[in-house]
Amino acid sequence: MSQHEVYVLWSEKLLKRYVGSGRDALDRLRQHNAGQSTFTRGGRPWILIHCEKFDSKAEAQRRERFLKSGAGRKWLDEMYPEYRRKTGR
């Protein structure tokens, strides 16, 4: 059985989180910080703030979708108040 991970990165430069998934969160972090992802290139350096492991890709994708939703963003704000956008909200 293969393992899949959902991860949350933080960019202090952009004051933004990035939610992604894959087989190896630390390898993905390395790729993001190496500039191999156009979407995250401008936010380097990224740090890994949260990671969850799942037995199936489908489970990981469901959790990734949740974390990108309004309820998921709220959950991340509550779990990691130091890693939330520092705006007037």
N, C-alpha and C. Protein backbone atom coordinates (compact mmCIF):
# COMPACT_ATOMS: atom_id res chain seq x y z
N MET A 1 0.86 -1.19 0.00
CA MET A 1 0.00 0.00 0.00
C MET A 1 0.90 1.24 0.00
N SER A 2 0.65 2.13 -0.91
CA SER A 2 1.47 3.34 -0.99
C SER A 2 0.90 4.41 -0.07
N GLN A 3 1.79 5.27 0.35
CA GLN A 3 1.39 6.33 1.27
C GLN A 3 1.36 7.67 0.54
N HIS A 4 0.40 8.49 0.91
CA HIS A 4 0.26 9.82 0.34
C HIS A 4 0.19 10.83 1.47
N GLU A 5 0.69 12.01 1.23
CA GLU A 5 0.75 13.04 2.25
C GLU A 5 0.10 14.33 1.77
N VAL A 6 -0.56 15.00 2.68
CA VAL A 6 -1.07 16.34 2.46
C VAL A 6 -0.20 17.24 3.31
N TYR A 7 0.27 18.33 2.74
CA TYR A 7 1.18 19.20 3.47
C TYR A 7 0.75 20.65 3.34
N VAL A 8 1.16 21.43 4.33
CA VAL A 8 0.89 22.86 4.33
C VAL A 8 2.23 23.58 4.50
N LEU A 9 2.51 24.46 3.57
CA LEU A 9 3.74 25.26 3.61
C LEU A 9 3.38 26.69 3.97
N TRP A 10 4.36 27.41 4.49
CA TRP A 10 4.18 28.81 4.85
C TRP A 10 5.32 29.63 4.25
N SER A 11 4.96 30.77 3.68
CA SER A 11 5.93 31.73 3.17
C SER A 11 5.86 33.00 4.01
N GLU A 12 6.89 33.27 4.75
CA GLU A 12 6.95 34.51 5.54
C GLU A 12 7.03 35.71 4.60
N LYS A 13 7.66 35.52 3.46
CA LYS A 13 7.81 36.58 2.47
C LYS A 13 6.44 37.06 1.95
N LEU A 14 5.55 36.11 1.65
CA LEU A 14 4.23 36.43 1.12
C LEU A 14 3.14 36.46 2.20
N LEU A 15 3.47 35.94 3.39
CA LEU A 15 2.48 35.76 4.46
C LEU A 15 1.31 34.93 3.96
N LYS A 16 1.66 33.82 3.30
CA LYS A 16 0.64 32.93 2.72
C LYS A 16 0.99 31.48 3.00
N ARG A 17 -0.09 30.67 3.03
CA ARG A 17 0.06 29.22 3.12
C ARG A 17 -0.13 28.63 1.73
N TYR A 18 0.45 27.46 1.55
CA TYR A 18 0.24 26.68 0.33
C TYR A 18 -0.11 25.27 0.76
N VAL A 19 -1.20 24.72 0.25
CA VAL A 19 -1.63 23.37 0.56
C VAL A 19 -1.41 22.50 -0.66
N GLY A 20 -0.74 21.36 -0.46
CA GLY A 20 -0.48 20.46 -1.56
C GLY A 20 -0.51 19.02 -1.10
N SER A 21 -0.30 18.10 -2.03
CA SER A 21 -0.25 16.68 -1.67
C SER A 21 0.73 15.97 -2.59
N GLY A 22 1.17 14.82 -2.13
CA GLY A 22 2.10 14.01 -2.90
C GLY A 22 2.57 12.84 -2.06
N ARG A 23 3.54 12.12 -2.55
CA ARG A 23 4.03 10.94 -1.83
C ARG A 23 5.04 11.29 -0.76
N ASP A 24 5.73 12.42 -0.88
CA ASP A 24 6.79 12.76 0.06
C ASP A 24 6.80 14.28 0.28
N ALA A 25 6.26 14.71 1.41
CA ALA A 25 6.12 16.15 1.68
C ALA A 25 7.49 16.85 1.76
N LEU A 26 8.48 16.19 2.34
CA LEU A 26 9.79 16.83 2.45
C LEU A 26 10.46 17.00 1.09
N ASP A 27 10.25 16.02 0.21
CA ASP A 27 10.78 16.16 -1.14
C ASP A 27 10.06 17.28 -1.89
N ARG A 28 8.74 17.37 -1.69
CA ARG A 28 7.99 18.47 -2.32
C ARG A 28 8.45 19.83 -1.78
N LEU A 29 8.72 19.92 -0.49
CA LEU A 29 9.24 21.16 0.09
C LEU A 29 10.55 21.54 -0.59
N ARG A 30 11.42 20.57 -0.77
CA ARG A 30 12.69 20.83 -1.45
C ARG A 30 12.45 21.35 -2.87
N GLN A 31 11.50 20.74 -3.58
CA GLN A 31 11.20 21.18 -4.95
C GLN A 31 10.64 22.60 -4.96
N HIS A 32 9.74 22.91 -4.03
CA HIS A 32 9.19 24.27 -3.96
C HIS A 32 10.31 25.27 -3.69
N ASN A 33 11.20 24.95 -2.76
CA ASN A 33 12.28 25.88 -2.42
C ASN A 33 13.35 25.96 -3.50
N ALA A 34 13.40 24.97 -4.37
CA ALA A 34 14.35 25.00 -5.49
C ALA A 34 13.77 25.77 -6.68
N GLY A 35 12.53 26.25 -6.54
CA GLY A 35 11.92 27.02 -7.62
C GLY A 35 11.35 26.17 -8.72
N GLN A 36 11.11 24.88 -8.45
CA GLN A 36 10.62 23.98 -9.49
C GLN A 36 9.11 24.06 -9.71
N SER A 37 8.44 24.86 -8.89
CA SER A 37 7.01 25.08 -9.07
C SER A 37 6.79 26.56 -9.36
N THR A 38 6.27 26.86 -10.52
CA THR A 38 6.04 28.26 -10.90
C THR A 38 5.14 28.96 -9.90
N PHE A 39 4.12 28.26 -9.41
CA PHE A 39 3.14 28.87 -8.52
C PHE A 39 3.76 29.34 -7.21
N THR A 40 4.74 28.60 -6.69
CA THR A 40 5.31 28.93 -5.37
C THR A 40 6.69 29.59 -5.45
N ARG A 41 7.21 29.74 -6.63
CA ARG A 41 8.57 30.26 -6.79
C ARG A 41 8.79 31.59 -6.08
N GLY A 42 7.83 32.50 -6.17
CA GLY A 42 7.98 33.83 -5.59
C GLY A 42 7.91 33.89 -4.08
N GLY A 43 7.52 32.79 -3.43
CA GLY A 43 7.36 32.80 -1.99
C GLY A 43 8.52 32.22 -1.22
N ARG A 44 9.56 31.83 -1.91
CA ARG A 44 10.68 31.17 -1.24
C ARG A 44 11.35 32.08 -0.22
N PRO A 45 11.82 31.51 0.88
CA PRO A 45 11.79 30.10 1.27
C PRO A 45 10.46 29.72 1.92
N TRP A 46 10.02 28.49 1.66
CA TRP A 46 8.82 27.92 2.27
C TRP A 46 9.26 27.05 3.43
N ILE A 47 8.41 26.98 4.46
CA ILE A 47 8.66 26.05 5.56
C ILE A 47 7.45 25.13 5.68
N LEU A 48 7.70 23.90 6.10
CA LEU A 48 6.64 22.92 6.29
C LEU A 48 6.03 23.14 7.67
N ILE A 49 4.72 23.44 7.73
CA ILE A 49 4.10 23.68 9.03
C ILE A 49 3.12 22.57 9.42
N HIS A 50 2.70 21.74 8.46
CA HIS A 50 1.71 20.71 8.78
C HIS A 50 1.81 19.60 7.74
N CYS A 51 1.68 18.35 8.20
CA CYS A 51 1.70 17.21 7.27
C CYS A 51 0.82 16.10 7.84
N GLU A 52 0.03 15.48 6.97
CA GLU A 52 -0.82 14.35 7.34
C GLU A 52 -0.59 13.22 6.35
N LYS A 53 -0.58 11.99 6.84
CA LYS A 53 -0.35 10.82 6.00
C LYS A 53 -1.64 10.04 5.78
N PHE A 54 -1.81 9.52 4.57
CA PHE A 54 -3.01 8.77 4.21
C PHE A 54 -2.60 7.51 3.45
N ASP A 55 -3.45 6.50 3.54
CA ASP A 55 -3.17 5.23 2.85
C ASP A 55 -3.49 5.28 1.37
N SER A 56 -4.36 6.20 0.96
CA SER A 56 -4.72 6.25 -0.46
C SER A 56 -4.63 7.68 -0.99
N LYS A 57 -4.41 7.75 -2.28
CA LYS A 57 -4.36 9.04 -2.95
C LYS A 57 -5.71 9.75 -2.85
N ALA A 58 -6.79 9.00 -2.96
CA ALA A 58 -8.14 9.59 -2.89
C ALA A 58 -8.38 10.24 -1.53
N GLU A 59 -7.98 9.57 -0.45
CA GLU A 59 -8.14 10.16 0.89
C GLU A 59 -7.34 11.45 1.00
N ALA A 60 -6.11 11.43 0.51
CA ALA A 60 -5.25 12.62 0.57
C ALA A 60 -5.87 13.77 -0.24
N GLN A 61 -6.41 13.46 -1.40
CA GLN A 61 -7.02 14.50 -2.23
C GLN A 61 -8.26 15.09 -1.57
N ARG A 62 -9.04 14.25 -0.88
CA ARG A 62 -10.20 14.77 -0.15
C ARG A 62 -9.77 15.74 0.94
N ARG A 63 -8.73 15.35 1.69
CA ARG A 63 -8.24 16.22 2.76
C ARG A 63 -7.64 17.51 2.20
N GLU A 64 -6.93 17.41 1.09
CA GLU A 64 -6.37 18.60 0.45
C GLU A 64 -7.49 19.56 0.04
N ARG A 65 -8.55 19.03 -0.55
CA ARG A 65 -9.69 19.88 -0.94
C ARG A 65 -10.30 20.54 0.29
N PHE A 66 -10.43 19.79 1.39
CA PHE A 66 -10.98 20.37 2.61
C PHE A 66 -10.10 21.51 3.11
N LEU A 67 -8.79 21.29 3.16
CA LEU A 67 -7.89 22.33 3.69
C LEU A 67 -7.87 23.58 2.81
N LYS A 68 -8.25 23.44 1.55
CA LYS A 68 -8.32 24.59 0.65
C LYS A 68 -9.69 25.28 0.71
N SER A 69 -10.64 24.67 1.40
CA SER A 69 -11.99 25.24 1.50
C SER A 69 -12.02 26.29 2.62
N GLY A 70 -13.11 27.01 2.70
CA GLY A 70 -13.26 28.00 3.77
C GLY A 70 -13.15 27.38 5.16
N ALA A 71 -13.81 26.23 5.35
CA ALA A 71 -13.75 25.55 6.65
C ALA A 71 -12.34 25.06 6.94
N GLY A 72 -11.65 24.59 5.91
CA GLY A 72 -10.27 24.11 6.09
C GLY A 72 -9.32 25.25 6.41
N ARG A 73 -9.50 26.38 5.75
CA ARG A 73 -8.65 27.55 6.05
C ARG A 73 -8.89 28.03 7.48
N LYS A 74 -10.14 27.99 7.91
CA LYS A 74 -10.48 28.37 9.29
C LYS A 74 -9.81 27.41 10.27
N TRP A 75 -9.86 26.11 9.98
CA TRP A 75 -9.22 25.11 10.84
C TRP A 75 -7.72 25.39 10.94
N LEU A 76 -7.09 25.67 9.80
CA LEU A 76 -5.65 25.97 9.82
C LEU A 76 -5.37 27.25 10.61
N ASP A 77 -6.22 28.26 10.47
CA ASP A 77 -6.06 29.50 11.24
C ASP A 77 -6.10 29.22 12.73
N GLU A 78 -7.01 28.33 13.14
CA GLU A 78 -7.15 28.01 14.56
C GLU A 78 -6.00 27.14 15.05
N MET A 79 -5.56 26.20 14.24
CA MET A 79 -4.46 25.31 14.63
C MET A 79 -3.11 26.01 14.64
N TYR A 80 -2.93 26.92 13.70
CA TYR A 80 -1.64 27.60 13.52
C TYR A 80 -1.85 29.11 13.42
N PRO A 81 -2.24 29.75 14.52
CA PRO A 81 -2.52 31.19 14.46
C PRO A 81 -1.29 32.02 14.07
N GLU A 82 -0.11 31.49 14.33
CA GLU A 82 1.11 32.23 13.95
C GLU A 82 1.38 32.18 12.45
N TYR A 83 0.68 31.29 11.74
CA TYR A 83 0.85 31.15 10.30
C TYR A 83 -0.45 31.49 9.59
N ARG A 84 -0.97 32.63 9.87
CA ARG A 84 -2.15 33.09 9.15
C ARG A 84 -1.84 34.46 8.58
N ARG A 85 -2.54 34.76 7.55
CA ARG A 85 -2.34 36.04 6.86
C ARG A 85 -2.56 37.18 7.84
N LYS A 86 -1.63 38.08 7.90
CA LYS A 86 -1.72 39.16 8.87
C LYS A 86 -2.39 40.38 8.24
N THR A 87 -3.70 40.22 8.03
CA THR A 87 -4.50 41.30 7.45
C THR A 87 -5.46 41.81 8.51
N GLY A 88 -6.35 42.66 8.13
CA GLY A 88 -7.29 43.23 9.06
C GLY A 88 -8.40 42.32 9.51
N ARG A 89 -8.40 41.03 9.10
CA ARG A 89 -9.50 40.15 9.48
C ARG A 89 -9.38 39.61 10.87
